[in-house]
Amino acid sequence: MDSDSSGSRLVYSTSCGPVCPQCGQAAKACVCSALAKQRLPDTDGLARISYEHRAPKGKGVTLIKGLLLNQPELLTLAKKLKQRFGTGGTVEGWNILLQGDFRIPAARELGRLGFRVK
């Protein structure tokens, strides 16, 4: 049976070790993850800030989405905002989550940093 007709993909090779499933290169030579971090989201660049309750206990988080930043820049901005407001938070996908209700202060801070805010 031919491996191409079965639909299976190579995930490990004895000659080079683990193989990237996206590009087929050796995991050590793969640049897919580095390219994904540099990719920009498909958005208009207008920051949208909302307040949501998350998960079982309904803890409130401020959600900031729509920023035209790549992953390293998004992580840096999230760190600045968390330090500025003295709160916890994280980056999920292309969104920044801050623990608590910081809609108005976040809008002011993002405006001060040069972002367009809605």
N, C-alpha and C. Protein backbone atom coordinates (compact mmCIF):
# COMPACT_ATOMS: atom_id res chain seq x y z
N MET A 1 0.84 -1.18 0.00
CA MET A 1 0.00 0.00 0.00
C MET A 1 0.88 1.23 0.00
N ASP A 2 0.59 2.18 -0.85
CA ASP A 2 1.35 3.41 -0.98
C ASP A 2 0.97 4.37 0.16
N SER A 3 1.98 5.05 0.77
CA SER A 3 1.69 5.93 1.91
C SER A 3 0.87 7.15 1.50
N ASP A 4 1.01 7.60 0.25
CA ASP A 4 0.24 8.75 -0.21
C ASP A 4 -1.23 8.43 -0.36
N SER A 5 -1.55 7.21 -0.78
CA SER A 5 -2.95 6.85 -0.99
C SER A 5 -3.68 6.60 0.32
N SER A 6 -2.96 6.29 1.39
CA SER A 6 -3.61 6.03 2.67
C SER A 6 -3.94 7.31 3.42
N GLY A 7 -3.36 8.42 2.99
CA GLY A 7 -3.64 9.70 3.65
C GLY A 7 -2.79 9.94 4.87
N SER A 8 -1.82 9.05 5.17
CA SER A 8 -0.98 9.24 6.35
C SER A 8 0.12 10.25 6.05
N ARG A 9 0.57 10.89 7.11
CA ARG A 9 1.64 11.89 6.97
C ARG A 9 2.80 11.47 7.83
N LEU A 10 4.00 11.77 7.38
CA LEU A 10 5.21 11.46 8.10
C LEU A 10 5.30 12.35 9.34
N VAL A 11 5.44 11.76 10.53
CA VAL A 11 5.56 12.54 11.76
C VAL A 11 6.90 12.32 12.45
N TYR A 12 7.64 11.28 12.04
CA TYR A 12 8.94 11.01 12.63
C TYR A 12 9.78 10.28 11.61
N SER A 13 11.02 10.67 11.52
CA SER A 13 11.94 10.00 10.61
C SER A 13 13.19 9.64 11.39
N THR A 14 13.73 8.45 11.18
CA THR A 14 14.93 8.04 11.90
C THR A 14 16.14 8.83 11.44
N SER A 15 16.08 9.43 10.26
CA SER A 15 17.23 10.19 9.78
C SER A 15 17.30 11.60 10.37
N CYS A 16 16.13 12.21 10.69
CA CYS A 16 16.18 13.59 11.18
C CYS A 16 15.36 13.81 12.45
N GLY A 17 14.68 12.81 12.97
CA GLY A 17 13.89 12.98 14.18
C GLY A 17 12.49 13.46 13.89
N PRO A 18 11.88 14.22 14.82
CA PRO A 18 10.51 14.70 14.62
C PRO A 18 10.40 15.60 13.38
N VAL A 19 9.25 15.51 12.71
CA VAL A 19 9.02 16.27 11.49
C VAL A 19 7.83 17.21 11.71
N CYS A 20 7.94 18.45 11.22
CA CYS A 20 6.85 19.42 11.33
C CYS A 20 5.70 18.98 10.44
N PRO A 21 4.47 18.89 10.96
CA PRO A 21 3.34 18.45 10.14
C PRO A 21 2.90 19.49 9.11
N GLN A 22 3.27 20.74 9.30
CA GLN A 22 2.85 21.79 8.37
C GLN A 22 3.75 21.88 7.15
N CYS A 23 5.07 21.91 7.36
CA CYS A 23 5.98 22.12 6.23
C CYS A 23 6.73 20.86 5.82
N GLY A 24 6.74 19.82 6.67
CA GLY A 24 7.42 18.58 6.33
C GLY A 24 8.91 18.61 6.58
N GLN A 25 9.44 19.70 7.13
CA GLN A 25 10.86 19.81 7.44
C GLN A 25 11.14 19.19 8.81
N ALA A 26 12.41 18.92 9.08
CA ALA A 26 12.81 18.44 10.40
C ALA A 26 12.42 19.50 11.43
N ALA A 27 12.00 19.06 12.61
CA ALA A 27 11.53 19.99 13.64
C ALA A 27 12.59 21.03 14.00
N LYS A 28 13.86 20.65 13.98
CA LYS A 28 14.92 21.60 14.32
C LYS A 28 15.10 22.66 13.24
N ALA A 29 14.77 22.34 11.99
CA ALA A 29 14.93 23.28 10.88
C ALA A 29 13.65 24.02 10.54
N CYS A 30 12.55 23.69 11.22
CA CYS A 30 11.25 24.28 10.91
C CYS A 30 11.19 25.73 11.38
N VAL A 31 10.58 26.57 10.55
CA VAL A 31 10.41 27.97 10.90
C VAL A 31 8.94 28.35 10.96
N CYS A 32 8.05 27.37 10.93
CA CYS A 32 6.61 27.64 10.93
C CYS A 32 6.17 28.44 12.16
N SER A 33 6.64 28.04 13.35
CA SER A 33 6.21 28.73 14.57
C SER A 33 6.74 30.16 14.61
N ALA A 34 7.97 30.38 14.13
CA ALA A 34 8.52 31.74 14.11
C ALA A 34 7.74 32.61 13.12
N LEU A 35 7.36 32.05 11.98
CA LEU A 35 6.57 32.81 11.01
C LEU A 35 5.17 33.10 11.54
N ALA A 36 4.58 32.15 12.28
CA ALA A 36 3.24 32.36 12.83
C ALA A 36 3.25 33.48 13.86
N LYS A 37 4.33 33.60 14.63
CA LYS A 37 4.41 34.67 15.64
C LYS A 37 4.53 36.04 15.00
N GLN A 38 5.13 36.11 13.82
CA GLN A 38 5.32 37.39 13.13
C GLN A 38 4.11 37.79 12.29
N ARG A 39 3.18 36.86 12.11
CA ARG A 39 2.00 37.12 11.28
C ARG A 39 1.09 38.13 11.97
N LEU A 40 0.48 38.99 11.18
CA LEU A 40 -0.47 39.97 11.70
C LEU A 40 -1.89 39.44 11.55
N PRO A 41 -2.79 39.80 12.46
CA PRO A 41 -4.17 39.33 12.35
C PRO A 41 -4.91 40.06 11.22
N ASP A 42 -5.98 39.45 10.75
CA ASP A 42 -6.84 40.08 9.75
C ASP A 42 -7.84 40.97 10.48
N THR A 43 -7.51 42.24 10.61
CA THR A 43 -8.35 43.17 11.34
C THR A 43 -8.18 44.57 10.77
N ASP A 44 -9.05 45.47 11.15
CA ASP A 44 -8.98 46.84 10.66
C ASP A 44 -8.07 47.73 11.51
N GLY A 45 -7.53 47.20 12.61
CA GLY A 45 -6.63 47.96 13.47
C GLY A 45 -7.33 48.81 14.52
N LEU A 46 -8.64 48.74 14.57
CA LEU A 46 -9.42 49.49 15.54
C LEU A 46 -9.60 48.64 16.80
N ALA A 47 -9.10 49.13 17.93
CA ALA A 47 -9.18 48.38 19.18
C ALA A 47 -10.61 48.39 19.70
N ARG A 48 -11.13 47.24 20.00
CA ARG A 48 -12.47 47.10 20.57
C ARG A 48 -12.34 46.55 21.99
N ILE A 49 -12.92 47.29 22.94
CA ILE A 49 -12.80 46.93 24.35
C ILE A 49 -14.18 46.57 24.88
N SER A 50 -14.26 45.41 25.54
CA SER A 50 -15.53 44.98 26.11
C SER A 50 -15.28 44.31 27.46
N TYR A 51 -16.35 44.10 28.19
CA TYR A 51 -16.29 43.44 29.49
C TYR A 51 -17.13 42.18 29.43
N GLU A 52 -16.56 41.05 29.82
CA GLU A 52 -17.25 39.77 29.76
C GLU A 52 -17.06 39.00 31.05
N HIS A 53 -17.99 38.10 31.31
CA HIS A 53 -17.86 37.16 32.42
C HIS A 53 -17.40 35.84 31.83
N ARG A 54 -16.37 35.26 32.41
CA ARG A 54 -15.79 34.05 31.87
C ARG A 54 -16.04 32.85 32.76
N ALA A 55 -16.27 31.72 32.14
CA ALA A 55 -16.25 30.39 32.74
C ALA A 55 -17.20 30.21 33.92
N PRO A 56 -17.01 29.13 34.67
CA PRO A 56 -17.98 28.72 35.69
C PRO A 56 -18.26 29.74 36.79
N LYS A 57 -17.24 30.37 37.32
CA LYS A 57 -17.47 31.28 38.44
C LYS A 57 -17.86 32.68 37.98
N GLY A 58 -17.83 32.93 36.69
CA GLY A 58 -18.28 34.21 36.17
C GLY A 58 -17.38 35.37 36.50
N LYS A 59 -16.08 35.13 36.57
CA LYS A 59 -15.13 36.21 36.84
C LYS A 59 -15.12 37.17 35.66
N GLY A 60 -15.13 38.45 35.93
CA GLY A 60 -15.17 39.45 34.87
C GLY A 60 -13.79 39.76 34.32
N VAL A 61 -13.70 39.88 33.01
CA VAL A 61 -12.45 40.25 32.36
C VAL A 61 -12.71 41.34 31.33
N THR A 62 -11.74 42.21 31.16
CA THR A 62 -11.77 43.20 30.10
C THR A 62 -11.11 42.57 28.88
N LEU A 63 -11.82 42.55 27.77
CA LEU A 63 -11.34 41.94 26.53
C LEU A 63 -10.97 43.04 25.55
N ILE A 64 -9.71 43.02 25.10
CA ILE A 64 -9.24 43.99 24.11
C ILE A 64 -8.90 43.21 22.85
N LYS A 65 -9.60 43.52 21.75
CA LYS A 65 -9.36 42.80 20.50
C LYS A 65 -9.30 43.77 19.34
N GLY A 66 -8.80 43.31 18.22
CA GLY A 66 -8.74 44.12 17.02
C GLY A 66 -7.46 44.90 16.83
N LEU A 67 -6.47 44.69 17.69
CA LEU A 67 -5.21 45.41 17.56
C LEU A 67 -4.39 44.82 16.42
N LEU A 68 -3.76 45.67 15.64
CA LEU A 68 -2.95 45.23 14.51
C LEU A 68 -1.51 45.04 14.98
N LEU A 69 -1.30 44.01 15.81
CA LEU A 69 0.02 43.70 16.36
C LEU A 69 0.31 42.22 16.19
N ASN A 70 1.59 41.87 16.04
CA ASN A 70 1.95 40.46 16.02
C ASN A 70 2.08 39.96 17.45
N GLN A 71 2.32 38.66 17.63
CA GLN A 71 2.30 38.07 18.97
C GLN A 71 3.32 38.69 19.93
N PRO A 72 4.59 38.87 19.56
CA PRO A 72 5.53 39.48 20.53
C PRO A 72 5.11 40.90 20.94
N GLU A 73 4.62 41.69 19.99
CA GLU A 73 4.18 43.05 20.32
C GLU A 73 2.94 43.02 21.21
N LEU A 74 2.05 42.06 20.96
CA LEU A 74 0.85 41.92 21.77
C LEU A 74 1.20 41.54 23.21
N LEU A 75 2.16 40.64 23.37
CA LEU A 75 2.61 40.25 24.72
C LEU A 75 3.23 41.43 25.45
N THR A 76 4.00 42.24 24.74
CA THR A 76 4.62 43.42 25.36
C THR A 76 3.56 44.43 25.80
N LEU A 77 2.57 44.67 24.94
CA LEU A 77 1.50 45.60 25.30
C LEU A 77 0.69 45.08 26.49
N ALA A 78 0.39 43.78 26.49
CA ALA A 78 -0.35 43.19 27.61
C ALA A 78 0.42 43.37 28.92
N LYS A 79 1.73 43.18 28.86
CA LYS A 79 2.55 43.35 30.06
C LYS A 79 2.49 44.79 30.56
N LYS A 80 2.57 45.77 29.64
CA LYS A 80 2.47 47.19 30.02
C LYS A 80 1.13 47.49 30.67
N LEU A 81 0.06 46.99 30.08
CA LEU A 81 -1.27 47.26 30.63
C LEU A 81 -1.46 46.61 31.99
N LYS A 82 -0.98 45.39 32.16
CA LYS A 82 -1.11 44.72 33.46
C LYS A 82 -0.34 45.47 34.53
N GLN A 83 0.86 45.95 34.19
CA GLN A 83 1.65 46.71 35.17
C GLN A 83 0.98 48.05 35.47
N ARG A 84 0.46 48.69 34.46
CA ARG A 84 -0.18 50.01 34.63
C ARG A 84 -1.39 49.92 35.55
N PHE A 85 -2.21 48.86 35.38
CA PHE A 85 -3.44 48.73 36.16
C PHE A 85 -3.27 47.86 37.41
N GLY A 86 -2.12 47.23 37.58
CA GLY A 86 -1.89 46.40 38.75
C GLY A 86 -2.82 45.20 38.81
N THR A 87 -2.98 44.53 37.68
CA THR A 87 -3.89 43.39 37.61
C THR A 87 -3.23 42.25 36.84
N GLY A 88 -3.89 41.12 36.87
CA GLY A 88 -3.43 39.98 36.09
C GLY A 88 -4.08 39.97 34.73
N GLY A 89 -3.62 39.09 33.90
CA GLY A 89 -4.21 38.97 32.58
C GLY A 89 -3.39 38.04 31.71
N THR A 90 -3.82 37.92 30.47
CA THR A 90 -3.14 37.02 29.55
C THR A 90 -3.45 37.44 28.12
N VAL A 91 -2.78 36.76 27.20
CA VAL A 91 -3.05 36.93 25.78
C VAL A 91 -3.58 35.59 25.27
N GLU A 92 -4.79 35.62 24.68
CA GLU A 92 -5.38 34.43 24.08
C GLU A 92 -5.60 34.70 22.61
N GLY A 93 -4.86 34.03 21.77
CA GLY A 93 -4.97 34.28 20.33
C GLY A 93 -4.51 35.68 20.02
N TRP A 94 -5.39 36.52 19.47
CA TRP A 94 -5.06 37.91 19.16
C TRP A 94 -5.73 38.86 20.14
N ASN A 95 -6.20 38.36 21.28
CA ASN A 95 -6.93 39.16 22.26
C ASN A 95 -6.14 39.30 23.55
N ILE A 96 -6.27 40.46 24.18
CA ILE A 96 -5.69 40.68 25.51
C ILE A 96 -6.82 40.60 26.51
N LEU A 97 -6.62 39.80 27.56
CA LEU A 97 -7.60 39.68 28.65
C LEU A 97 -6.99 40.26 29.91
N LEU A 98 -7.68 41.20 30.53
CA LEU A 98 -7.27 41.77 31.81
C LEU A 98 -8.30 41.42 32.86
N GLN A 99 -7.85 40.98 34.03
CA GLN A 99 -8.77 40.60 35.09
C GLN A 99 -9.38 41.86 35.70
N GLY A 100 -10.70 41.95 35.66
CA GLY A 100 -11.39 43.10 36.23
C GLY A 100 -11.96 44.00 35.14
N ASP A 101 -12.64 45.05 35.58
CA ASP A 101 -13.28 45.98 34.66
C ASP A 101 -12.37 47.19 34.45
N PHE A 102 -11.65 47.21 33.34
CA PHE A 102 -10.73 48.30 33.01
C PHE A 102 -11.06 48.89 31.65
N ARG A 103 -12.33 48.94 31.28
CA ARG A 103 -12.71 49.44 29.95
C ARG A 103 -12.29 50.88 29.74
N ILE A 104 -12.65 51.76 30.64
CA ILE A 104 -12.36 53.19 30.47
C ILE A 104 -10.86 53.47 30.62
N PRO A 105 -10.19 52.97 31.67
CA PRO A 105 -8.75 53.21 31.76
C PRO A 105 -7.97 52.59 30.60
N ALA A 106 -8.40 51.42 30.12
CA ALA A 106 -7.70 50.79 28.99
C ALA A 106 -7.88 51.61 27.72
N ALA A 107 -9.07 52.16 27.52
CA ALA A 107 -9.30 53.00 26.34
C ALA A 107 -8.42 54.24 26.39
N ARG A 108 -8.32 54.86 27.56
CA ARG A 108 -7.46 56.04 27.71
C ARG A 108 -5.99 55.69 27.45
N GLU A 109 -5.54 54.59 28.03
CA GLU A 109 -4.14 54.19 27.90
C GLU A 109 -3.80 53.81 26.46
N LEU A 110 -4.68 53.09 25.80
CA LEU A 110 -4.44 52.72 24.40
C LEU A 110 -4.44 53.97 23.51
N GLY A 111 -5.33 54.91 23.79
CA GLY A 111 -5.34 56.16 23.04
C GLY A 111 -4.06 56.95 23.24
N ARG A 112 -3.56 56.94 24.47
CA ARG A 112 -2.31 57.62 24.78
C ARG A 112 -1.13 56.98 24.05
N LEU A 113 -1.20 55.66 23.86
CA LEU A 113 -0.13 54.93 23.17
C LEU A 113 -0.26 55.01 21.64
N GLY A 114 -1.30 55.66 21.15
CA GLY A 114 -1.43 55.88 19.72
C GLY A 114 -2.35 54.93 18.98
N PHE A 115 -3.12 54.12 19.70
CA PHE A 115 -4.06 53.19 19.06
C PHE A 115 -5.41 53.86 18.88
N ARG A 116 -6.11 53.50 17.82
CA ARG A 116 -7.49 53.97 17.63
C ARG A 116 -8.39 53.03 18.43
N VAL A 117 -9.28 53.61 19.23
CA VAL A 117 -10.13 52.83 20.13
C VAL A 117 -11.58 53.10 19.82
N LYS A 118 -12.39 52.04 19.82
CA LYS A 118 -13.84 52.18 19.62
C LYS A 118 -14.53 51.86 20.93
